[in-house]
C-alpha cells in the first residue's frame, strides 16, 4: 500500500518536468498547468482516488466495530469464498 502511494505521487509530480505541461507564457516564471488531461489525472490521483479508499476503509472499520458481520461478509469480495458462520 505504501509503495502504491509513492508510485502514484511520483506519477502525478513527474509529468510536468517530463514535458506534460502547457505552453510557456512570456514574462511568467511559474504557472498552473491548465492542460485538461493533466488536471483530470492530477485531481483524480490526488483527491478522488484517496477519498474513495478512505471512505471504503472507514466503512469496513465501522462494520467491524458494530459487529455486523453479515453485512461485512456480503459486501467484501475477499470474504465471499470463505466459510464464515454467524455467532
C-alpha atoms as a PDB file:
ATOM      1  CA  UNK A   1       0.000   0.000   0.000  1.00  0.00           C
ATOM      2  CA  UNK A   2       2.818   2.401   0.873  1.00  0.00           C
ATOM      3  CA  UNK A   3       4.618   1.627  -2.387  1.00  0.00           C
ATOM      4  CA  UNK A   4       1.424   2.286  -4.353  1.00  0.00           C
ATOM      5  CA  UNK A   5       1.058   5.690  -2.684  1.00  0.00           C
ATOM      6  CA  UNK A   6       4.639   6.633  -3.569  1.00  0.00           C
ATOM      7  CA  UNK A   7       4.201   5.452  -7.161  1.00  0.00           C
ATOM      8  CA  UNK A   8       1.003   7.498  -7.528  1.00  0.00           C
ATOM      9  CA  UNK A   9       2.679  10.591  -6.058  1.00  0.00           C
ATOM     10  CA  UNK A  10       5.636  10.145  -8.408  1.00  0.00           C
ATOM     11  CA  UNK A  11       3.345   9.712 -11.421  1.00  0.00           C
ATOM     12  CA  UNK A  12       1.451  12.903 -10.586  1.00  0.00           C
ATOM     13  CA  UNK A  13       4.527  15.022  -9.922  1.00  0.00           C
ATOM     14  CA  UNK A  14       6.821  13.760 -12.705  1.00  0.00           C
ATOM     15  CA  UNK A  15       4.509  14.759 -15.565  1.00  0.00           C
ATOM     16  CA  UNK A  16       5.365  18.470 -15.888  1.00  0.00           C
ATOM     17  CA  UNK A  17       9.166  18.051 -15.712  1.00  0.00           C
ATOM     18  CA  UNK A  18       8.998  15.387 -18.425  1.00  0.00           C
ATOM     19  CA  UNK A  19       7.118  17.639 -20.816  1.00  0.00           C
ATOM     20  CA  UNK A  20       3.473  17.234 -19.843  1.00  0.00           C
ATOM     21  CA  UNK A  21       2.961  20.969 -19.445  1.00  0.00           C
ATOM     22  CA  UNK A  22       1.356  23.869 -21.184  1.00  0.00           C
ATOM     23  CA  UNK A  23       2.979  26.414 -23.465  1.00  0.00           C
ATOM     24  CA  UNK A  24       5.206  28.818 -21.533  1.00  0.00           C
ATOM     25  CA  UNK A  25       3.847  32.317 -21.307  1.00  0.00           C
ATOM     26  CA  UNK A  26       6.262  35.193 -21.667  1.00  0.00           C
ATOM     27  CA  UNK A  27       7.136  37.099 -18.519  1.00  0.00           C
ATOM     28  CA  UNK A  28       5.958  34.453 -16.074  1.00  0.00           C
ATOM     29  CA  UNK A  29       8.349  32.224 -14.192  1.00  0.00           C
ATOM     30  CA  UNK A  30       5.840  29.669 -12.983  1.00  0.00           C
ATOM     31  CA  UNK A  31       2.203  28.968 -13.539  1.00  0.00           C
ATOM     32  CA  UNK A  32      -0.552  26.451 -13.148  1.00  0.00           C
ATOM     33  CA  UNK A  33      -0.752  23.644 -15.667  1.00  0.00           C
ATOM     34  CA  UNK A  34      -4.060  24.174 -17.466  1.00  0.00           C
ATOM     35  CA  UNK A  35      -3.988  21.138 -19.768  1.00  0.00           C
ATOM     36  CA  UNK A  36      -7.282  19.364 -19.170  1.00  0.00           C
ATOM     37  CA  UNK A  37      -5.896  15.829 -19.358  1.00  0.00           C
ATOM     38  CA  UNK A  38      -3.184  16.533 -16.764  1.00  0.00           C
ATOM     39  CA  UNK A  39      -5.598  18.401 -14.493  1.00  0.00           C
ATOM     40  CA  UNK A  40      -8.070  15.495 -14.542  1.00  0.00           C
ATOM     41  CA  UNK A  41      -5.276  12.951 -13.941  1.00  0.00           C
ATOM     42  CA  UNK A  42      -3.865  15.011 -11.091  1.00  0.00           C
ATOM     43  CA  UNK A  43      -7.207  15.666  -9.389  1.00  0.00           C
ATOM     44  CA  UNK A  44      -8.335  12.040  -9.627  1.00  0.00           C
ATOM     45  CA  UNK A  45      -4.998  10.730  -8.380  1.00  0.00           C
ATOM     46  CA  UNK A  46      -4.508  13.213  -5.580  1.00  0.00           C
ATOM     47  CA  UNK A  47      -8.078  13.722  -4.324  1.00  0.00           C
ATOM     48  CA  UNK A  48     -10.837  11.433  -5.596  1.00  0.00           C
ATOM     49  CA  UNK A  49      -8.939   8.121  -5.522  1.00  0.00           C
ATOM     50  CA  UNK A  50      -7.592   8.640  -1.971  1.00  0.00           C
ATOM     51  CA  UNK A  51     -11.040   9.811  -0.851  1.00  0.00           C
ATOM     52  CA  UNK A  52     -12.613   6.637  -2.240  1.00  0.00           C
ATOM     53  CA  UNK A  53     -10.042   4.452  -0.478  1.00  0.00           C
ATOM     54  CA  UNK A  54     -10.600   6.289   2.813  1.00  0.00           C
ATOM     55  CA  UNK A  55     -14.401   6.005   2.585  1.00  0.00           C
ATOM     56  CA  UNK A  56     -14.244   2.273   1.786  1.00  0.00           C
ATOM     57  CA  UNK A  57     -11.809   1.595   4.630  1.00  0.00           C
ATOM     58  CA  UNK A  58     -13.840   3.668   7.109  1.00  0.00           C
ATOM     59  CA  UNK A  59     -16.962   1.768   6.044  1.00  0.00           C
ATOM     60  CA  UNK A  60     -15.223  -1.556   6.670  1.00  0.00           C
ATOM     61  CA  UNK A  61     -13.926  -0.378  10.063  1.00  0.00           C
ATOM     62  CA  UNK A  62     -17.405   0.760  11.047  1.00  0.00           C
ATOM     63  CA  UNK A  63     -18.919  -2.574  10.056  1.00  0.00           C
ATOM     64  CA  UNK A  64     -16.327  -4.472  12.055  1.00  0.00           C
ATOM     65  CA  UNK A  65     -16.779  -2.165  15.040  1.00  0.00           C
ATOM     66  CA  UNK A  66     -20.537  -2.674  15.121  1.00  0.00           C
ATOM     67  CA  UNK A  67     -20.057  -6.444  14.757  1.00  0.00           C
ATOM     68  CA  UNK A  68     -22.463  -6.569  11.832  1.00  0.00           C
ATOM     69  CA  UNK A  69     -20.582  -9.414  10.173  1.00  0.00           C
ATOM     70  CA  UNK A  70     -23.424 -10.377   7.851  1.00  0.00           C
ATOM     71  CA  UNK A  71     -23.183  -7.051   6.003  1.00  0.00           C
ATOM     72  CA  UNK A  72     -19.391  -7.138   6.044  1.00  0.00           C
ATOM     73  CA  UNK A  73     -19.222 -10.662   4.655  1.00  0.00           C
ATOM     74  CA  UNK A  74     -21.792  -9.772   1.998  1.00  0.00           C
ATOM     75  CA  UNK A  75     -20.006  -6.568   0.944  1.00  0.00           C
ATOM     76  CA  UNK A  76     -16.438  -7.819   0.975  1.00  0.00           C
ATOM     77  CA  UNK A  77     -15.353  -9.831  -2.031  1.00  0.00           C
ATOM     78  CA  UNK A  78     -12.367 -11.154  -0.096  1.00  0.00           C
ATOM     79  CA  UNK A  79     -14.636 -12.975   2.332  1.00  0.00           C
ATOM     80  CA  UNK A  80     -17.122 -14.192  -0.276  1.00  0.00           C
ATOM     81  CA  UNK A  81     -15.464 -17.570  -0.734  1.00  0.00           C
ATOM     82  CA  UNK A  82     -14.701 -18.085   2.953  1.00  0.00           C
ATOM     83  CA  UNK A  83     -16.862 -20.297   5.141  1.00  0.00           C
ATOM     84  CA  UNK A  84     -17.718 -17.848   7.930  1.00  0.00           C
ATOM     85  CA  UNK A  85     -20.666 -18.531  10.195  1.00  0.00           C
ATOM     86  CA  UNK A  86     -22.595 -16.039  12.313  1.00  0.00           C
ATOM     87  CA  UNK A  87     -22.031 -16.154  16.032  1.00  0.00           C
END
